[in-house]
Amino acid sequence: MSVERLEGHEVFQFLRPEQLETISDVAEIVELEAGDVVYRKSTRADHFYVLLEGQVALRLPGKAGVSLQVEELTPGAMFGSCVCFKLTDYSLEARCTTDSKLLKIESATLRKLMDRDLVLGYTIQTQISRIYFHRYLDAMKKLQAIVLNLPLETASPAPAEVAVGV
């Protein structure tokens, strides 16, 4: 994996050359076709990804094969394991919507670098948290739009009840 690809991404721009080399040693470029699954919800989250080319949809699977698309990622997007929170499983499914090229990076290696250099760790954690928080806010706006467009019930209101001791 080329160090130049890593240092161009906002999360890795703070790494020193030897740290970039360490990450580069555990990174690989993966080429997937439209429809291929990058990872499934509830599987072990050992990697995070940077989308180099194509598009990837993050989806929340539901019952009977129905799922809610949370985000459509474009090149430059980071997704997958969140090394800041040490979560063990993916919380969503990631699926390519077009032929895509991904940078697949071992989470444990970045976590070790962050633990060894606390200033670097804080800086990277801040960058990743910002990315994920913006994604969260966008998802909440989408959910709000869905809820606001639901039809209102026209049934007669139920008699008023008073809740005591709740």
N, C-alpha and C. Protein backbone atom coordinates (compact mmCIF):
# COMPACT_ATOMS: atom_id res chain seq x y z
N MET A 1 0.85 -1.18 0.00
CA MET A 1 0.00 0.00 0.00
C MET A 1 0.88 1.23 0.00
N SER A 2 0.53 2.19 -0.77
CA SER A 2 1.31 3.41 -0.91
C SER A 2 1.08 4.37 0.25
N VAL A 3 2.18 4.84 0.83
CA VAL A 3 2.13 5.79 1.93
C VAL A 3 1.47 7.09 1.47
N GLU A 4 1.67 7.47 0.21
CA GLU A 4 1.10 8.71 -0.30
C GLU A 4 -0.42 8.70 -0.22
N ARG A 5 -1.03 7.54 -0.47
CA ARG A 5 -2.50 7.44 -0.38
C ARG A 5 -2.97 7.69 1.05
N LEU A 6 -2.20 7.20 2.00
CA LEU A 6 -2.57 7.38 3.41
C LEU A 6 -2.42 8.82 3.86
N GLU A 7 -1.28 9.43 3.56
CA GLU A 7 -1.03 10.78 4.07
C GLU A 7 -1.94 11.83 3.45
N GLY A 8 -2.61 11.50 2.36
CA GLY A 8 -3.53 12.44 1.75
C GLY A 8 -4.90 12.46 2.42
N HIS A 9 -5.18 11.50 3.29
CA HIS A 9 -6.48 11.44 3.96
C HIS A 9 -6.44 12.24 5.25
N GLU A 10 -7.55 12.94 5.55
CA GLU A 10 -7.59 13.84 6.70
C GLU A 10 -7.28 13.16 8.03
N VAL A 11 -7.59 11.88 8.18
CA VAL A 11 -7.33 11.19 9.43
C VAL A 11 -5.84 10.88 9.61
N PHE A 12 -5.15 10.63 8.51
CA PHE A 12 -3.75 10.20 8.60
C PHE A 12 -2.75 11.32 8.39
N GLN A 13 -3.18 12.53 8.12
CA GLN A 13 -2.27 13.61 7.82
C GLN A 13 -1.36 13.98 8.98
N PHE A 14 -1.70 13.54 10.19
CA PHE A 14 -0.92 13.89 11.37
C PHE A 14 0.14 12.84 11.72
N LEU A 15 0.15 11.74 10.98
CA LEU A 15 1.10 10.67 11.26
C LEU A 15 2.50 11.02 10.77
N ARG A 16 3.49 10.60 11.55
CA ARG A 16 4.88 10.75 11.12
C ARG A 16 5.18 9.66 10.07
N PRO A 17 6.25 9.85 9.28
CA PRO A 17 6.55 8.88 8.21
C PRO A 17 6.63 7.43 8.69
N GLU A 18 7.25 7.19 9.82
CA GLU A 18 7.37 5.80 10.30
C GLU A 18 6.00 5.24 10.73
N GLN A 19 5.10 6.11 11.21
CA GLN A 19 3.75 5.67 11.57
C GLN A 19 2.94 5.37 10.32
N LEU A 20 3.10 6.20 9.31
CA LEU A 20 2.44 5.94 8.02
C LEU A 20 2.89 4.60 7.45
N GLU A 21 4.17 4.34 7.58
CA GLU A 21 4.73 3.08 7.07
C GLU A 21 4.13 1.88 7.83
N THR A 22 3.97 2.02 9.14
CA THR A 22 3.37 0.95 9.95
C THR A 22 1.95 0.65 9.50
N ILE A 23 1.16 1.71 9.27
CA ILE A 23 -0.21 1.52 8.80
C ILE A 23 -0.21 0.94 7.39
N SER A 24 0.67 1.44 6.56
CA SER A 24 0.76 0.97 5.18
C SER A 24 1.07 -0.53 5.12
N ASP A 25 1.86 -1.01 6.08
CA ASP A 25 2.22 -2.43 6.10
C ASP A 25 1.02 -3.34 6.37
N VAL A 26 -0.02 -2.83 7.04
CA VAL A 26 -1.18 -3.66 7.36
C VAL A 26 -2.41 -3.25 6.54
N ALA A 27 -2.20 -2.45 5.53
CA ALA A 27 -3.30 -2.01 4.67
C ALA A 27 -3.22 -2.74 3.34
N GLU A 28 -4.38 -2.95 2.76
CA GLU A 28 -4.42 -3.55 1.43
C GLU A 28 -5.54 -2.90 0.62
N ILE A 29 -5.35 -2.89 -0.67
CA ILE A 29 -6.39 -2.38 -1.56
C ILE A 29 -7.25 -3.55 -1.98
N VAL A 30 -8.56 -3.38 -1.82
CA VAL A 30 -9.52 -4.42 -2.14
C VAL A 30 -10.43 -3.88 -3.25
N GLU A 31 -10.61 -4.68 -4.30
CA GLU A 31 -11.52 -4.29 -5.39
C GLU A 31 -12.75 -5.18 -5.32
N LEU A 32 -13.92 -4.53 -5.26
CA LEU A 32 -15.18 -5.25 -5.14
C LEU A 32 -16.13 -4.80 -6.25
N GLU A 33 -17.08 -5.65 -6.57
CA GLU A 33 -18.07 -5.34 -7.61
C GLU A 33 -19.35 -4.82 -6.97
N ALA A 34 -20.16 -4.15 -7.78
CA ALA A 34 -21.46 -3.67 -7.32
C ALA A 34 -22.24 -4.85 -6.74
N GLY A 35 -22.80 -4.66 -5.56
CA GLY A 35 -23.56 -5.71 -4.88
C GLY A 35 -22.76 -6.50 -3.88
N ASP A 36 -21.44 -6.45 -3.95
CA ASP A 36 -20.61 -7.18 -2.99
C ASP A 36 -20.74 -6.56 -1.59
N VAL A 37 -20.74 -7.42 -0.58
CA VAL A 37 -20.79 -6.98 0.81
C VAL A 37 -19.38 -6.76 1.31
N VAL A 38 -19.13 -5.59 1.89
CA VAL A 38 -17.83 -5.29 2.50
C VAL A 38 -17.79 -5.95 3.87
N TYR A 39 -18.84 -5.77 4.66
CA TYR A 39 -19.00 -6.46 5.94
C TYR A 39 -20.48 -6.47 6.31
N ARG A 40 -20.84 -7.41 7.17
CA ARG A 40 -22.23 -7.54 7.62
C ARG A 40 -22.36 -7.05 9.06
N LYS A 41 -23.57 -6.61 9.40
CA LYS A 41 -23.87 -6.19 10.76
C LYS A 41 -23.60 -7.36 11.71
N SER A 42 -23.04 -7.04 12.86
CA SER A 42 -22.78 -7.99 13.95
C SER A 42 -21.60 -8.92 13.69
N THR A 43 -20.86 -8.73 12.58
CA THR A 43 -19.63 -9.50 12.41
C THR A 43 -18.49 -8.75 13.08
N ARG A 44 -17.44 -9.44 13.37
CA ARG A 44 -16.30 -8.87 14.10
C ARG A 44 -15.70 -7.69 13.33
N ALA A 45 -15.52 -6.58 14.02
CA ALA A 45 -15.02 -5.34 13.40
C ALA A 45 -13.52 -5.22 13.59
N ASP A 46 -12.78 -5.85 12.72
CA ASP A 46 -11.32 -5.85 12.80
C ASP A 46 -10.67 -4.85 11.85
N HIS A 47 -11.45 -4.26 10.95
CA HIS A 47 -10.89 -3.37 9.93
C HIS A 47 -11.72 -2.11 9.79
N PHE A 48 -11.07 -1.07 9.33
CA PHE A 48 -11.81 0.09 8.86
C PHE A 48 -11.35 0.35 7.44
N TYR A 49 -12.13 1.13 6.73
CA TYR A 49 -11.95 1.26 5.29
C TYR A 49 -11.94 2.73 4.89
N VAL A 50 -11.24 2.99 3.81
CA VAL A 50 -11.32 4.28 3.14
C VAL A 50 -11.75 3.96 1.71
N LEU A 51 -12.82 4.60 1.27
CA LEU A 51 -13.32 4.37 -0.07
C LEU A 51 -12.47 5.17 -1.05
N LEU A 52 -11.78 4.47 -1.94
CA LEU A 52 -10.90 5.11 -2.92
C LEU A 52 -11.65 5.44 -4.21
N GLU A 53 -12.48 4.50 -4.66
CA GLU A 53 -13.26 4.68 -5.89
C GLU A 53 -14.60 3.97 -5.71
N GLY A 54 -15.64 4.50 -6.36
CA GLY A 54 -16.94 3.85 -6.33
C GLY A 54 -17.86 4.42 -5.27
N GLN A 55 -18.84 3.61 -4.88
CA GLN A 55 -19.81 4.00 -3.85
C GLN A 55 -20.14 2.80 -2.98
N VAL A 56 -20.36 3.08 -1.70
CA VAL A 56 -20.72 2.06 -0.73
C VAL A 56 -21.91 2.57 0.08
N ALA A 57 -22.91 1.71 0.25
CA ALA A 57 -24.08 2.06 1.06
C ALA A 57 -23.92 1.43 2.44
N LEU A 58 -24.16 2.23 3.47
CA LEU A 58 -24.24 1.72 4.83
C LEU A 58 -25.72 1.52 5.13
N ARG A 59 -26.06 0.30 5.52
CA ARG A 59 -27.48 -0.05 5.71
C ARG A 59 -27.68 -0.69 7.07
N LEU A 60 -28.86 -0.45 7.64
CA LEU A 60 -29.27 -1.09 8.88
C LEU A 60 -30.27 -2.18 8.49
N PRO A 61 -29.84 -3.45 8.56
CA PRO A 61 -30.74 -4.54 8.16
C PRO A 61 -31.91 -4.66 9.14
N GLY A 62 -33.07 -4.98 8.59
CA GLY A 62 -34.27 -5.19 9.39
C GLY A 62 -34.83 -6.57 9.16
N LYS A 63 -36.10 -6.73 9.44
CA LYS A 63 -36.77 -8.02 9.30
C LYS A 63 -37.12 -8.30 7.84
N ALA A 64 -37.18 -9.56 7.51
CA ALA A 64 -37.65 -10.05 6.20
C ALA A 64 -36.88 -9.42 5.04
N GLY A 65 -35.57 -9.18 5.22
CA GLY A 65 -34.74 -8.67 4.14
C GLY A 65 -34.86 -7.19 3.87
N VAL A 66 -35.68 -6.50 4.65
CA VAL A 66 -35.83 -5.05 4.49
C VAL A 66 -34.72 -4.36 5.27
N SER A 67 -34.15 -3.31 4.68
CA SER A 67 -33.11 -2.58 5.39
C SER A 67 -33.26 -1.09 5.12
N LEU A 68 -32.72 -0.29 6.02
CA LEU A 68 -32.77 1.16 5.91
C LEU A 68 -31.39 1.66 5.52
N GLN A 69 -31.31 2.38 4.41
CA GLN A 69 -30.04 2.95 4.01
C GLN A 69 -29.75 4.16 4.89
N VAL A 70 -28.62 4.11 5.58
CA VAL A 70 -28.23 5.17 6.49
C VAL A 70 -27.38 6.21 5.77
N GLU A 71 -26.53 5.73 4.86
CA GLU A 71 -25.60 6.64 4.19
C GLU A 71 -25.15 6.04 2.87
N GLU A 72 -24.92 6.89 1.90
CA GLU A 72 -24.30 6.49 0.62
C GLU A 72 -22.94 7.17 0.60
N LEU A 73 -21.88 6.38 0.69
CA LEU A 73 -20.53 6.92 0.79
C LEU A 73 -19.91 7.12 -0.58
N THR A 74 -19.11 8.16 -0.70
CA THR A 74 -18.39 8.48 -1.93
C THR A 74 -16.89 8.46 -1.65
N PRO A 75 -16.07 8.51 -2.70
CA PRO A 75 -14.62 8.43 -2.50
C PRO A 75 -14.10 9.41 -1.45
N GLY A 76 -13.20 8.89 -0.61
CA GLY A 76 -12.61 9.66 0.48
C GLY A 76 -13.24 9.33 1.81
N ALA A 77 -14.44 8.72 1.80
CA ALA A 77 -15.14 8.41 3.05
C ALA A 77 -14.43 7.30 3.82
N MET A 78 -14.41 7.45 5.13
CA MET A 78 -13.88 6.43 6.02
C MET A 78 -15.07 5.75 6.70
N PHE A 79 -15.00 4.43 6.86
CA PHE A 79 -16.10 3.71 7.51
C PHE A 79 -15.60 2.39 8.06
N GLY A 80 -16.44 1.75 8.83
CA GLY A 80 -16.10 0.45 9.41
C GLY A 80 -15.85 0.55 10.89
N SER A 81 -14.86 -0.16 11.36
CA SER A 81 -14.54 -0.18 12.78
C SER A 81 -14.17 1.21 13.25
N CYS A 82 -14.69 1.59 14.39
CA CYS A 82 -14.32 2.89 14.98
C CYS A 82 -13.29 2.63 16.06
N VAL A 83 -12.03 2.87 15.73
CA VAL A 83 -10.94 2.55 16.65
C VAL A 83 -11.01 3.35 17.94
N CYS A 84 -11.73 4.45 17.94
CA CYS A 84 -11.84 5.29 19.13
C CYS A 84 -12.64 4.63 20.24
N PHE A 85 -13.65 3.86 19.87
CA PHE A 85 -14.57 3.32 20.86
C PHE A 85 -14.35 1.84 21.15
N LYS A 86 -13.45 1.22 20.44
CA LYS A 86 -13.11 -0.19 20.64
C LYS A 86 -14.34 -1.10 20.61
N LEU A 87 -15.24 -0.82 19.67
CA LEU A 87 -16.41 -1.68 19.49
C LEU A 87 -15.96 -2.97 18.82
N THR A 88 -16.57 -4.08 19.20
CA THR A 88 -16.11 -5.37 18.69
C THR A 88 -16.83 -5.81 17.42
N ASP A 89 -18.04 -5.29 17.18
CA ASP A 89 -18.83 -5.73 16.02
C ASP A 89 -19.28 -4.53 15.19
N TYR A 90 -19.44 -4.76 13.90
CA TYR A 90 -19.98 -3.72 13.03
C TYR A 90 -21.45 -3.50 13.37
N SER A 91 -21.89 -2.25 13.37
CA SER A 91 -23.28 -1.94 13.73
C SER A 91 -24.17 -1.81 12.49
N LEU A 92 -23.58 -1.80 11.31
CA LEU A 92 -24.33 -1.69 10.06
C LEU A 92 -23.78 -2.69 9.06
N GLU A 93 -24.45 -2.79 7.92
CA GLU A 93 -23.92 -3.56 6.80
C GLU A 93 -23.37 -2.57 5.78
N ALA A 94 -22.23 -2.88 5.19
CA ALA A 94 -21.66 -2.06 4.12
C ALA A 94 -21.68 -2.89 2.84
N ARG A 95 -22.28 -2.30 1.78
CA ARG A 95 -22.41 -3.00 0.50
C ARG A 95 -22.07 -2.04 -0.63
N CYS A 96 -21.29 -2.51 -1.58
CA CYS A 96 -20.92 -1.68 -2.74
C CYS A 96 -22.14 -1.49 -3.62
N THR A 97 -22.38 -0.24 -4.01
CA THR A 97 -23.48 0.03 -4.94
C THR A 97 -22.96 0.19 -6.36
N THR A 98 -21.66 0.36 -6.51
CA THR A 98 -20.99 0.36 -7.80
C THR A 98 -19.69 -0.43 -7.63
N ASP A 99 -19.03 -0.76 -8.72
CA ASP A 99 -17.71 -1.36 -8.60
C ASP A 99 -16.86 -0.38 -7.80
N SER A 100 -16.12 -0.90 -6.82
CA SER A 100 -15.43 -0.02 -5.88
C SER A 100 -14.04 -0.52 -5.55
N LYS A 101 -13.21 0.42 -5.17
CA LYS A 101 -11.86 0.12 -4.70
C LYS A 101 -11.76 0.70 -3.29
N LEU A 102 -11.36 -0.15 -2.33
CA LEU A 102 -11.29 0.23 -0.93
C LEU A 102 -9.89 0.03 -0.37
N LEU A 103 -9.55 0.88 0.56
CA LEU A 103 -8.34 0.68 1.35
C LEU A 103 -8.79 0.03 2.65
N LYS A 104 -8.35 -1.19 2.88
CA LYS A 104 -8.74 -1.97 4.06
C LYS A 104 -7.58 -1.93 5.05
N ILE A 105 -7.85 -1.41 6.26
CA ILE A 105 -6.79 -1.19 7.24
C ILE A 105 -7.12 -1.92 8.54
N GLU A 106 -6.14 -2.60 9.09
CA GLU A 106 -6.29 -3.31 10.35
C GLU A 106 -6.45 -2.31 11.49
N SER A 107 -7.57 -2.38 12.19
CA SER A 107 -7.88 -1.43 13.26
C SER A 107 -6.89 -1.51 14.42
N ALA A 108 -6.48 -2.71 14.79
CA ALA A 108 -5.62 -2.89 15.96
C ALA A 108 -4.29 -2.15 15.80
N THR A 109 -3.78 -2.08 14.60
CA THR A 109 -2.49 -1.39 14.37
C THR A 109 -2.62 0.10 14.63
N LEU A 110 -3.67 0.72 14.11
CA LEU A 110 -3.87 2.14 14.37
C LEU A 110 -4.12 2.39 15.85
N ARG A 111 -4.88 1.52 16.48
CA ARG A 111 -5.15 1.67 17.91
C ARG A 111 -3.84 1.63 18.72
N LYS A 112 -2.92 0.74 18.35
CA LYS A 112 -1.62 0.66 19.06
C LYS A 112 -0.83 1.95 18.88
N LEU A 113 -0.82 2.48 17.67
CA LEU A 113 -0.12 3.75 17.43
C LEU A 113 -0.73 4.87 18.28
N MET A 114 -2.04 4.90 18.37
CA MET A 114 -2.73 5.92 19.15
C MET A 114 -2.42 5.78 20.64
N ASP A 115 -2.32 4.54 21.11
CA ASP A 115 -2.02 4.30 22.53
C ASP A 115 -0.57 4.67 22.88
N ARG A 116 0.33 4.49 21.93
CA ARG A 116 1.75 4.80 22.17
C ARG A 116 2.04 6.30 22.15
N ASP A 117 1.31 7.03 21.34
CA ASP A 117 1.52 8.47 21.19
C ASP A 117 0.18 9.15 21.50
N LEU A 118 0.02 9.58 22.75
CA LEU A 118 -1.27 10.09 23.20
C LEU A 118 -1.71 11.37 22.49
N VAL A 119 -0.77 12.23 22.13
CA VAL A 119 -1.13 13.45 21.40
C VAL A 119 -1.66 13.06 20.02
N LEU A 120 -0.96 12.18 19.36
CA LEU A 120 -1.42 11.67 18.06
C LEU A 120 -2.77 10.98 18.23
N GLY A 121 -2.89 10.15 19.26
CA GLY A 121 -4.14 9.44 19.51
C GLY A 121 -5.31 10.39 19.68
N TYR A 122 -5.10 11.45 20.44
CA TYR A 122 -6.15 12.44 20.66
C TYR A 122 -6.52 13.12 19.34
N THR A 123 -5.53 13.47 18.55
CA THR A 123 -5.76 14.16 17.28
C THR A 123 -6.55 13.27 16.32
N ILE A 124 -6.15 12.01 16.21
CA ILE A 124 -6.85 11.08 15.31
C ILE A 124 -8.26 10.81 15.84
N GLN A 125 -8.37 10.64 17.16
CA GLN A 125 -9.69 10.39 17.74
C GLN A 125 -10.63 11.57 17.47
N THR A 126 -10.11 12.78 17.55
CA THR A 126 -10.92 13.96 17.27
C THR A 126 -11.39 13.96 15.81
N GLN A 127 -10.48 13.65 14.88
CA GLN A 127 -10.84 13.61 13.46
C GLN A 127 -11.90 12.55 13.18
N ILE A 128 -11.69 11.34 13.71
CA ILE A 128 -12.63 10.24 13.47
C ILE A 128 -13.97 10.54 14.12
N SER A 129 -13.95 11.06 15.33
CA SER A 129 -15.20 11.40 16.02
C SER A 129 -15.99 12.45 15.24
N ARG A 130 -15.31 13.43 14.68
CA ARG A 130 -15.97 14.46 13.90
C ARG A 130 -16.65 13.85 12.67
N ILE A 131 -15.94 12.97 11.98
CA ILE A 131 -16.49 12.31 10.79
C ILE A 131 -17.74 11.50 11.17
N TYR A 132 -17.63 10.69 12.21
CA TYR A 132 -18.74 9.84 12.61
C TYR A 132 -19.89 10.66 13.17
N PHE A 133 -19.61 11.75 13.87
CA PHE A 133 -20.68 12.57 14.43
C PHE A 133 -21.47 13.25 13.32
N HIS A 134 -20.78 13.74 12.29
CA HIS A 134 -21.48 14.34 11.15
C HIS A 134 -22.35 13.30 10.45
N ARG A 135 -21.85 12.08 10.36
CA ARG A 135 -22.64 11.00 9.75
C ARG A 135 -23.88 10.72 10.59
N TYR A 136 -23.71 10.74 11.91
CA TYR A 136 -24.84 10.54 12.83
C TYR A 136 -25.88 11.64 12.64
N LEU A 137 -25.44 12.90 12.59
CA LEU A 137 -26.37 14.02 12.41
C LEU A 137 -27.13 13.90 11.09
N ASP A 138 -26.43 13.51 10.02
CA ASP A 138 -27.09 13.33 8.73
C ASP A 138 -28.14 12.22 8.80
N ALA A 139 -27.81 11.12 9.51
CA ALA A 139 -28.77 10.03 9.65
C ALA A 139 -29.99 10.48 10.44
N MET A 140 -29.80 11.29 11.46
CA MET A 140 -30.93 11.79 12.25
C MET A 140 -31.82 12.70 11.40
N LYS A 141 -31.24 13.51 10.54
CA LYS A 141 -32.03 14.36 9.64
C LYS A 141 -32.86 13.50 8.69
N LYS A 142 -32.28 12.43 8.18
CA LYS A 142 -33.01 11.53 7.29
C LYS A 142 -34.17 10.86 8.02
N LEU A 143 -33.93 10.40 9.25
CA LEU A 143 -34.99 9.78 10.03
C LEU A 143 -36.10 10.79 10.34
N GLN A 144 -35.71 12.00 10.66
CA GLN A 144 -36.69 13.04 10.94
C GLN A 144 -37.57 13.29 9.71
N ALA A 145 -36.95 13.34 8.54
CA ALA A 145 -37.71 13.56 7.31
C ALA A 145 -38.70 12.42 7.07
N ILE A 146 -38.31 11.20 7.38
CA ILE A 146 -39.21 10.05 7.22
C ILE A 146 -40.38 10.18 8.18
N VAL A 147 -40.08 10.47 9.44
CA VAL A 147 -41.13 10.57 10.45
C VAL A 147 -42.09 11.72 10.14
N LEU A 148 -41.56 12.85 9.70
CA LEU A 148 -42.42 13.99 9.40
C LEU A 148 -43.33 13.75 8.20
N ASN A 149 -42.97 12.78 7.36
CA ASN A 149 -43.79 12.47 6.19
C ASN A 149 -44.75 11.31 6.41
N LEU A 150 -44.78 10.75 7.62
CA LEU A 150 -45.72 9.67 7.91
C LEU A 150 -47.12 10.25 7.99
N PRO A 151 -48.10 9.51 7.51
CA PRO A 151 -49.48 10.02 7.60
C PRO A 151 -49.94 10.06 9.05
N LEU A 152 -50.68 11.09 9.38
CA LEU A 152 -51.23 11.21 10.73
C LEU A 152 -52.42 10.28 10.86
N GLU A 153 -52.58 9.70 12.03
CA GLU A 153 -53.72 8.83 12.27
C GLU A 153 -54.98 9.68 12.34
N THR A 154 -56.06 9.18 11.78
CA THR A 154 -57.31 9.93 11.78
C THR A 154 -58.32 9.34 12.75
N ALA A 155 -57.91 8.34 13.50
CA ALA A 155 -58.82 7.72 14.47
C ALA A 155 -59.15 8.72 15.57
N SER A 156 -60.33 8.54 16.18
CA SER A 156 -60.72 9.45 17.25
C SER A 156 -59.78 9.27 18.44
N PRO A 157 -59.46 10.34 19.11
CA PRO A 157 -58.52 10.25 20.21
C PRO A 157 -59.09 9.41 21.35
N ALA A 158 -58.19 8.71 22.03
CA ALA A 158 -58.58 7.90 23.18
C ALA A 158 -58.88 8.83 24.35
N PRO A 159 -59.70 8.37 25.30
CA PRO A 159 -59.96 9.21 26.47
C PRO A 159 -58.66 9.53 27.20
N ALA A 160 -58.61 10.72 27.75
CA ALA A 160 -57.42 11.14 28.48
C ALA A 160 -57.25 10.31 29.74
N GLU A 161 -56.01 9.91 29.99
CA GLU A 161 -55.70 9.16 31.20
C GLU A 161 -54.61 9.90 31.94
N VAL A 162 -54.61 9.77 33.22
CA VAL A 162 -53.58 10.39 34.03
C VAL A 162 -52.65 9.30 34.52
N ALA A 163 -51.37 9.50 34.28
CA ALA A 163 -50.38 8.52 34.75
C ALA A 163 -49.95 8.90 36.14
N VAL A 164 -50.09 7.99 37.07
CA VAL A 164 -49.73 8.25 38.46
C VAL A 164 -48.58 7.33 38.83
N GLY A 165 -47.57 7.92 39.47
CA GLY A 165 -46.45 7.11 39.96
C GLY A 165 -45.53 6.60 38.88
N VAL A 166 -45.47 7.28 37.76
CA VAL A 166 -44.58 6.85 36.68
C VAL A 166 -43.23 7.48 36.82
